[in-house]
Amino acid sequence: KAVGDDDVYPDLIKCLPPSALQKLQKLLQQYWETEKIPDEWRNAIVVPLHKKGSVTNPENYRGISLLPVVYKVLERIIADRLSTYRERTVREQQAGFRPGRSTVDQIFAISRMIEQRNKYGQSTYIAFLDFACAFDSPCRERIY
């Protein structure tokens, strides 16, 4: 695994003794309570990663942001808490960004709805939107 600006390897956190983990926990708790994190944690090293196709075409790359490991630990804690909250509040029919769910679930649900509506002679109208590369196309000046 690659390291960020802090030069700390992710596996190092896994090897910390209990006393160091307790100190890390207190530090993260402090950041959580004060809602303030060090400015240097906001700095990332962006590394281009080739996806597929010609290596000379910049569109065939995606950037990977290498962040400080302790910041990633804090992010993971927050993500887990948000995920727990989301699972309690999101409707059962919602499959996006949920573990164990996929587009196959949505396709099955739509197929069943169409079957039921056809059974009762009802018309069905569906709009499918493709948001692929949606963030590559907006006018950057308007966003910022």
N, C-alpha and C. Protein backbone atom coordinates (compact mmCIF):
# COMPACT_ATOMS: atom_id res chain seq x y z
N LYS A 1 0.84 -1.19 0.00
CA LYS A 1 0.00 0.00 0.00
C LYS A 1 0.88 1.24 0.00
N ALA A 2 0.41 2.25 -0.70
CA ALA A 2 1.17 3.50 -0.83
C ALA A 2 0.96 4.38 0.39
N VAL A 3 1.93 5.26 0.62
CA VAL A 3 1.86 6.17 1.76
C VAL A 3 1.56 7.58 1.29
N GLY A 4 1.00 8.37 2.19
CA GLY A 4 0.71 9.77 1.89
C GLY A 4 1.86 10.65 2.30
N ASP A 5 1.54 11.92 2.51
CA ASP A 5 2.53 12.93 2.90
C ASP A 5 3.19 12.62 4.24
N ASP A 6 2.52 11.83 5.07
CA ASP A 6 3.03 11.54 6.41
C ASP A 6 4.06 10.42 6.45
N ASP A 7 4.26 9.72 5.33
CA ASP A 7 5.19 8.59 5.24
C ASP A 7 4.88 7.46 6.21
N VAL A 8 3.62 7.32 6.60
CA VAL A 8 3.20 6.25 7.51
C VAL A 8 2.50 5.18 6.68
N TYR A 9 2.95 3.95 6.82
CA TYR A 9 2.33 2.84 6.12
C TYR A 9 1.07 2.39 6.86
N PRO A 10 0.00 2.07 6.13
CA PRO A 10 -1.25 1.64 6.78
C PRO A 10 -1.06 0.45 7.72
N ASP A 11 -0.19 -0.49 7.35
CA ASP A 11 0.01 -1.67 8.20
C ASP A 11 0.62 -1.32 9.55
N LEU A 12 1.27 -0.16 9.64
CA LEU A 12 1.86 0.25 10.90
C LEU A 12 0.79 0.44 11.97
N ILE A 13 -0.36 0.98 11.60
CA ILE A 13 -1.45 1.20 12.55
C ILE A 13 -1.91 -0.14 13.12
N LYS A 14 -1.95 -1.16 12.28
CA LYS A 14 -2.39 -2.49 12.73
C LYS A 14 -1.43 -3.10 13.74
N CYS A 15 -0.18 -2.68 13.70
CA CYS A 15 0.85 -3.26 14.58
C CYS A 15 1.07 -2.46 15.86
N LEU A 16 0.32 -1.39 16.06
CA LEU A 16 0.52 -0.56 17.25
C LEU A 16 0.15 -1.33 18.52
N PRO A 17 0.91 -1.14 19.59
CA PRO A 17 0.55 -1.77 20.87
C PRO A 17 -0.70 -1.10 21.44
N PRO A 18 -1.40 -1.76 22.36
CA PRO A 18 -2.63 -1.21 22.93
C PRO A 18 -2.48 0.20 23.48
N SER A 19 -1.35 0.50 24.12
CA SER A 19 -1.17 1.84 24.69
C SER A 19 -1.15 2.91 23.60
N ALA A 20 -0.51 2.62 22.48
CA ALA A 20 -0.47 3.57 21.36
C ALA A 20 -1.84 3.70 20.71
N LEU A 21 -2.58 2.60 20.63
CA LEU A 21 -3.93 2.65 20.06
C LEU A 21 -4.85 3.50 20.92
N GLN A 22 -4.67 3.42 22.25
CA GLN A 22 -5.47 4.26 23.15
C GLN A 22 -5.17 5.74 22.93
N LYS A 23 -3.90 6.07 22.76
CA LYS A 23 -3.52 7.46 22.49
C LYS A 23 -4.10 7.93 21.16
N LEU A 24 -4.05 7.07 20.17
CA LEU A 24 -4.62 7.40 18.87
C LEU A 24 -6.12 7.60 18.99
N GLN A 25 -6.77 6.76 19.77
CA GLN A 25 -8.21 6.89 19.97
C GLN A 25 -8.55 8.23 20.63
N LYS A 26 -7.78 8.62 21.63
CA LYS A 26 -8.02 9.90 22.30
C LYS A 26 -7.80 11.07 21.34
N LEU A 27 -6.78 10.96 20.52
CA LEU A 27 -6.49 12.01 19.54
C LEU A 27 -7.65 12.15 18.54
N LEU A 28 -8.13 11.03 18.04
CA LEU A 28 -9.24 11.05 17.09
C LEU A 28 -10.52 11.55 17.75
N GLN A 29 -10.72 11.17 19.00
CA GLN A 29 -11.89 11.65 19.74
C GLN A 29 -11.84 13.17 19.89
N GLN A 30 -10.66 13.70 20.13
CA GLN A 30 -10.48 15.15 20.26
C GLN A 30 -10.84 15.84 18.93
N TYR A 31 -10.36 15.29 17.82
CA TYR A 31 -10.68 15.86 16.52
C TYR A 31 -12.18 15.79 16.26
N TRP A 32 -12.80 14.70 16.67
CA TRP A 32 -14.24 14.52 16.48
C TRP A 32 -15.02 15.56 17.28
N GLU A 33 -14.64 15.75 18.52
CA GLU A 33 -15.37 16.67 19.41
C GLU A 33 -15.17 18.13 19.02
N THR A 34 -13.96 18.49 18.62
CA THR A 34 -13.68 19.89 18.28
C THR A 34 -14.01 20.21 16.82
N GLU A 35 -14.22 19.17 16.03
CA GLU A 35 -14.48 19.31 14.59
C GLU A 35 -13.36 20.06 13.88
N LYS A 36 -12.17 19.93 14.41
CA LYS A 36 -10.99 20.56 13.80
C LYS A 36 -9.93 19.50 13.58
N ILE A 37 -9.40 19.50 12.37
CA ILE A 37 -8.32 18.57 12.04
C ILE A 37 -7.13 19.38 11.54
N PRO A 38 -5.93 18.82 11.64
CA PRO A 38 -4.75 19.54 11.17
C PRO A 38 -4.86 19.87 9.68
N ASP A 39 -4.43 21.07 9.32
CA ASP A 39 -4.47 21.50 7.92
C ASP A 39 -3.70 20.55 7.00
N GLU A 40 -2.59 20.01 7.49
CA GLU A 40 -1.78 19.14 6.63
C GLU A 40 -2.50 17.84 6.27
N TRP A 41 -3.52 17.49 7.02
CA TRP A 41 -4.31 16.30 6.69
C TRP A 41 -5.14 16.53 5.43
N ARG A 42 -5.36 17.76 5.08
CA ARG A 42 -6.16 18.08 3.90
C ARG A 42 -5.33 18.02 2.62
N ASN A 43 -4.04 17.85 2.76
CA ASN A 43 -3.16 17.77 1.59
C ASN A 43 -3.04 16.32 1.14
N ALA A 44 -3.22 16.11 -0.14
CA ALA A 44 -3.12 14.76 -0.69
C ALA A 44 -2.08 14.75 -1.80
N ILE A 45 -1.46 13.62 -1.95
CA ILE A 45 -0.60 13.39 -3.11
C ILE A 45 -1.48 12.66 -4.12
N VAL A 46 -1.66 13.27 -5.30
CA VAL A 46 -2.51 12.66 -6.32
C VAL A 46 -1.62 11.92 -7.32
N VAL A 47 -1.89 10.63 -7.45
CA VAL A 47 -1.11 9.77 -8.33
C VAL A 47 -2.02 9.28 -9.46
N PRO A 48 -1.62 9.47 -10.72
CA PRO A 48 -2.45 8.97 -11.83
C PRO A 48 -2.35 7.45 -11.94
N LEU A 49 -3.49 6.79 -12.08
CA LEU A 49 -3.53 5.34 -12.22
C LEU A 49 -4.19 5.00 -13.56
N HIS A 50 -3.48 4.25 -14.38
CA HIS A 50 -3.99 3.89 -15.71
C HIS A 50 -5.15 2.90 -15.56
N LYS A 51 -6.26 3.19 -16.24
CA LYS A 51 -7.44 2.32 -16.20
C LYS A 51 -7.37 1.29 -17.33
N LYS A 52 -7.44 1.78 -18.57
CA LYS A 52 -7.39 0.91 -19.75
C LYS A 52 -7.15 1.77 -20.97
N GLY A 53 -6.85 1.12 -22.07
CA GLY A 53 -6.65 1.85 -23.32
C GLY A 53 -5.25 2.42 -23.44
N SER A 54 -5.13 3.39 -24.32
CA SER A 54 -3.83 3.99 -24.61
C SER A 54 -3.27 4.73 -23.40
N VAL A 55 -2.00 4.48 -23.13
CA VAL A 55 -1.35 5.17 -22.00
C VAL A 55 -1.06 6.63 -22.33
N THR A 56 -1.18 7.01 -23.59
CA THR A 56 -0.93 8.40 -23.97
C THR A 56 -2.18 9.27 -23.88
N ASN A 57 -3.35 8.67 -23.64
CA ASN A 57 -4.60 9.41 -23.53
C ASN A 57 -4.90 9.69 -22.06
N PRO A 58 -4.89 10.96 -21.65
CA PRO A 58 -5.12 11.31 -20.24
C PRO A 58 -6.49 10.86 -19.71
N GLU A 59 -7.47 10.69 -20.61
CA GLU A 59 -8.80 10.25 -20.16
C GLU A 59 -8.80 8.80 -19.68
N ASN A 60 -7.74 8.07 -19.97
CA ASN A 60 -7.64 6.67 -19.55
C ASN A 60 -6.98 6.52 -18.18
N TYR A 61 -6.91 7.61 -17.46
CA TYR A 61 -6.33 7.59 -16.12
C TYR A 61 -7.35 8.11 -15.11
N ARG A 62 -7.20 7.66 -13.90
CA ARG A 62 -7.97 8.24 -12.80
C ARG A 62 -6.98 8.56 -11.69
N GLY A 63 -7.29 9.60 -10.96
CA GLY A 63 -6.39 10.00 -9.89
C GLY A 63 -6.69 9.26 -8.60
N ILE A 64 -5.64 8.90 -7.91
CA ILE A 64 -5.78 8.32 -6.57
C ILE A 64 -5.15 9.31 -5.61
N SER A 65 -5.90 9.68 -4.59
CA SER A 65 -5.40 10.62 -3.59
C SER A 65 -4.81 9.86 -2.42
N LEU A 66 -3.54 10.08 -2.17
CA LEU A 66 -2.88 9.45 -1.03
C LEU A 66 -2.93 10.43 0.13
N LEU A 67 -3.64 10.04 1.17
CA LEU A 67 -3.85 10.90 2.34
C LEU A 67 -3.11 10.34 3.54
N PRO A 68 -2.88 11.17 4.56
CA PRO A 68 -2.25 10.67 5.78
C PRO A 68 -3.07 9.52 6.39
N VAL A 69 -2.38 8.50 6.87
CA VAL A 69 -3.04 7.29 7.37
C VAL A 69 -3.98 7.58 8.54
N VAL A 70 -3.58 8.42 9.47
CA VAL A 70 -4.44 8.70 10.63
C VAL A 70 -5.72 9.40 10.17
N TYR A 71 -5.61 10.24 9.17
CA TYR A 71 -6.79 10.90 8.62
C TYR A 71 -7.73 9.86 8.00
N LYS A 72 -7.15 8.86 7.31
CA LYS A 72 -7.97 7.81 6.71
C LYS A 72 -8.66 6.98 7.79
N VAL A 73 -8.00 6.79 8.92
CA VAL A 73 -8.63 6.07 10.03
C VAL A 73 -9.84 6.86 10.52
N LEU A 74 -9.67 8.17 10.69
CA LEU A 74 -10.78 9.02 11.13
C LEU A 74 -11.91 9.00 10.09
N GLU A 75 -11.56 9.09 8.82
CA GLU A 75 -12.56 9.02 7.76
C GLU A 75 -13.35 7.72 7.83
N ARG A 76 -12.65 6.61 8.09
CA ARG A 76 -13.30 5.30 8.16
C ARG A 76 -14.28 5.24 9.33
N ILE A 77 -13.89 5.80 10.46
CA ILE A 77 -14.78 5.83 11.63
C ILE A 77 -16.04 6.62 11.30
N ILE A 78 -15.86 7.78 10.69
CA ILE A 78 -17.00 8.62 10.32
C ILE A 78 -17.88 7.90 9.29
N ALA A 79 -17.26 7.28 8.30
CA ALA A 79 -18.02 6.56 7.27
C ALA A 79 -18.83 5.42 7.89
N ASP A 80 -18.23 4.71 8.84
CA ASP A 80 -18.96 3.62 9.50
C ASP A 80 -20.15 4.14 10.29
N ARG A 81 -19.96 5.26 10.96
CA ARG A 81 -21.07 5.85 11.73
C ARG A 81 -22.18 6.32 10.79
N LEU A 82 -21.80 6.95 9.69
CA LEU A 82 -22.81 7.40 8.72
C LEU A 82 -23.53 6.21 8.09
N SER A 83 -22.79 5.15 7.81
CA SER A 83 -23.39 3.96 7.21
C SER A 83 -24.40 3.34 8.16
N THR A 84 -24.06 3.28 9.44
CA THR A 84 -24.99 2.74 10.44
C THR A 84 -26.25 3.57 10.48
N TYR A 85 -26.10 4.89 10.48
CA TYR A 85 -27.25 5.79 10.49
C TYR A 85 -28.09 5.61 9.23
N ARG A 86 -27.40 5.56 8.08
CA ARG A 86 -28.09 5.42 6.80
C ARG A 86 -28.91 4.13 6.76
N GLU A 87 -28.35 3.05 7.25
CA GLU A 87 -29.06 1.77 7.21
C GLU A 87 -30.34 1.81 8.05
N ARG A 88 -30.35 2.64 9.08
CA ARG A 88 -31.56 2.76 9.91
C ARG A 88 -32.60 3.68 9.29
N THR A 89 -32.18 4.58 8.39
CA THR A 89 -33.10 5.60 7.91
C THR A 89 -33.52 5.47 6.45
N VAL A 90 -32.75 4.77 5.64
CA VAL A 90 -33.05 4.67 4.21
C VAL A 90 -34.09 3.58 3.98
N ARG A 91 -34.98 3.84 3.04
CA ARG A 91 -36.02 2.86 2.71
C ARG A 91 -35.41 1.58 2.17
N GLU A 92 -36.10 0.50 2.40
CA GLU A 92 -35.63 -0.82 1.97
C GLU A 92 -35.40 -0.90 0.45
N GLN A 93 -36.18 -0.14 -0.31
CA GLN A 93 -36.07 -0.19 -1.77
C GLN A 93 -34.80 0.46 -2.30
N GLN A 94 -34.17 1.29 -1.49
CA GLN A 94 -32.96 1.99 -1.92
C GLN A 94 -31.77 1.02 -1.91
N ALA A 95 -31.11 0.85 -3.05
CA ALA A 95 -29.99 -0.08 -3.13
C ALA A 95 -28.65 0.62 -3.33
N GLY A 96 -28.66 1.86 -3.78
CA GLY A 96 -27.41 2.56 -4.07
C GLY A 96 -26.54 2.77 -2.85
N PHE A 97 -25.27 2.48 -3.01
CA PHE A 97 -24.25 2.70 -1.98
C PHE A 97 -24.53 1.92 -0.70
N ARG A 98 -25.16 0.76 -0.85
CA ARG A 98 -25.44 -0.08 0.32
C ARG A 98 -24.74 -1.41 0.13
N PRO A 99 -24.10 -1.90 1.20
CA PRO A 99 -23.41 -3.18 1.08
C PRO A 99 -24.39 -4.32 0.79
N GLY A 100 -23.98 -5.22 -0.08
CA GLY A 100 -24.81 -6.36 -0.41
C GLY A 100 -25.93 -6.05 -1.39
N ARG A 101 -25.97 -4.84 -1.91
CA ARG A 101 -27.00 -4.45 -2.89
C ARG A 101 -26.31 -4.09 -4.20
N SER A 102 -27.07 -4.20 -5.28
CA SER A 102 -26.48 -3.85 -6.58
C SER A 102 -27.56 -3.44 -7.56
N THR A 103 -27.14 -3.11 -8.75
CA THR A 103 -28.10 -2.76 -9.80
C THR A 103 -28.98 -3.95 -10.15
N VAL A 104 -28.49 -5.16 -9.92
CA VAL A 104 -29.30 -6.35 -10.19
C VAL A 104 -30.56 -6.33 -9.34
N ASP A 105 -30.45 -5.88 -8.10
CA ASP A 105 -31.63 -5.77 -7.22
C ASP A 105 -32.66 -4.82 -7.82
N GLN A 106 -32.17 -3.69 -8.34
CA GLN A 106 -33.07 -2.70 -8.92
C GLN A 106 -33.70 -3.22 -10.22
N ILE A 107 -32.92 -3.91 -11.03
CA ILE A 107 -33.44 -4.49 -12.27
C ILE A 107 -34.55 -5.50 -11.96
N PHE A 108 -34.31 -6.33 -10.96
CA PHE A 108 -35.32 -7.31 -10.56
C PHE A 108 -36.60 -6.61 -10.09
N ALA A 109 -36.45 -5.57 -9.27
CA ALA A 109 -37.62 -4.85 -8.76
C ALA A 109 -38.41 -4.20 -9.90
N ILE A 110 -37.70 -3.58 -10.84
CA ILE A 110 -38.38 -2.95 -11.98
C ILE A 110 -39.09 -4.01 -12.83
N SER A 111 -38.43 -5.13 -13.05
CA SER A 111 -39.05 -6.21 -13.83
C SER A 111 -40.34 -6.69 -13.19
N ARG A 112 -40.32 -6.85 -11.88
CA ARG A 112 -41.52 -7.28 -11.15
C ARG A 112 -42.63 -6.24 -11.26
N MET A 113 -42.28 -4.97 -11.14
CA MET A 113 -43.28 -3.91 -11.26
C MET A 113 -43.92 -3.91 -12.64
N ILE A 114 -43.09 -4.04 -13.67
CA ILE A 114 -43.60 -4.06 -15.05
C ILE A 114 -44.53 -5.27 -15.24
N GLU A 115 -44.11 -6.42 -14.73
CA GLU A 115 -44.95 -7.62 -14.84
C GLU A 115 -46.31 -7.39 -14.19
N GLN A 116 -46.31 -6.82 -12.99
CA GLN A 116 -47.56 -6.59 -12.27
C GLN A 116 -48.44 -5.59 -13.01
N ARG A 117 -47.85 -4.54 -13.53
CA ARG A 117 -48.63 -3.53 -14.25
C ARG A 117 -49.20 -4.12 -15.55
N ASN A 118 -48.40 -4.92 -16.24
CA ASN A 118 -48.88 -5.58 -17.46
C ASN A 118 -50.03 -6.53 -17.15
N LYS A 119 -49.92 -7.20 -16.03
CA LYS A 119 -50.96 -8.14 -15.60
C LYS A 119 -52.32 -7.45 -15.47
N TYR A 120 -52.30 -6.19 -15.04
CA TYR A 120 -53.53 -5.42 -14.85
C TYR A 120 -53.80 -4.45 -15.99
N GLY A 121 -53.05 -4.59 -17.10
CA GLY A 121 -53.28 -3.76 -18.27
C GLY A 121 -52.88 -2.31 -18.11
N GLN A 122 -51.96 -2.03 -17.21
CA GLN A 122 -51.53 -0.65 -16.97
C GLN A 122 -50.25 -0.36 -17.75
N SER A 123 -50.17 0.84 -18.30
CA SER A 123 -48.96 1.26 -19.01
C SER A 123 -47.87 1.60 -18.01
N THR A 124 -46.64 1.44 -18.46
CA THR A 124 -45.49 1.76 -17.60
C THR A 124 -44.55 2.68 -18.37
N TYR A 125 -44.15 3.76 -17.74
CA TYR A 125 -43.20 4.71 -18.33
C TYR A 125 -42.01 4.83 -17.38
N ILE A 126 -40.83 4.64 -17.92
CA ILE A 126 -39.62 4.68 -17.09
C ILE A 126 -38.58 5.56 -17.77
N ALA A 127 -37.92 6.37 -17.00
CA ALA A 127 -36.81 7.18 -17.51
C ALA A 127 -35.52 6.70 -16.86
N PHE A 128 -34.55 6.36 -17.66
CA PHE A 128 -33.25 5.94 -17.15
C PHE A 128 -32.25 7.05 -17.43
N LEU A 129 -31.54 7.46 -16.42
CA LEU A 129 -30.55 8.53 -16.57
C LEU A 129 -29.16 7.96 -16.40
N ASP A 130 -28.26 8.33 -17.27
CA ASP A 130 -26.88 7.87 -17.20
C ASP A 130 -26.02 9.01 -16.69
N PHE A 131 -25.53 8.86 -15.48
CA PHE A 131 -24.70 9.90 -14.88
C PHE A 131 -23.21 9.59 -15.02
N ALA A 132 -22.85 8.70 -15.93
CA ALA A 132 -21.45 8.36 -16.13
C ALA A 132 -20.68 9.61 -16.53
N CYS A 133 -19.56 9.80 -15.91
CA CYS A 133 -18.69 10.97 -16.16
C CYS A 133 -19.42 12.28 -15.94
N ALA A 134 -20.42 12.29 -15.08
CA ALA A 134 -21.22 13.50 -14.84
C ALA A 134 -20.37 14.64 -14.30
N PHE A 135 -19.34 14.31 -13.54
CA PHE A 135 -18.54 15.36 -12.93
C PHE A 135 -17.40 15.81 -13.83
N ASP A 136 -17.24 15.18 -14.98
CA ASP A 136 -16.22 15.62 -15.93
C ASP A 136 -16.73 16.76 -16.81
N SER A 137 -18.06 16.90 -16.91
CA SER A 137 -18.62 17.84 -17.87
C SER A 137 -19.09 19.19 -17.33
N PRO A 138 -19.34 19.39 -16.04
CA PRO A 138 -19.87 20.70 -15.63
C PRO A 138 -18.86 21.82 -15.78
N CYS A 139 -19.38 23.02 -15.87
CA CYS A 139 -18.54 24.21 -15.97
C CYS A 139 -17.88 24.45 -14.62
N ARG A 140 -16.60 24.30 -14.54
CA ARG A 140 -15.87 24.42 -13.27
C ARG A 140 -15.99 25.82 -12.66
N GLU A 141 -16.04 26.86 -13.51
CA GLU A 141 -16.12 28.23 -13.00
C GLU A 141 -17.40 28.44 -12.20
N ARG A 142 -18.49 27.84 -12.64
CA ARG A 142 -19.76 28.00 -11.94
C ARG A 142 -19.78 27.26 -10.61
N ILE A 143 -19.05 26.16 -10.54
CA ILE A 143 -19.02 25.38 -9.30
C ILE A 143 -18.25 26.14 -8.22
N TYR A 144 -17.12 26.72 -8.61
CA TYR A 144 -16.27 27.39 -7.63
C TYR A 144 -16.64 28.84 -7.56
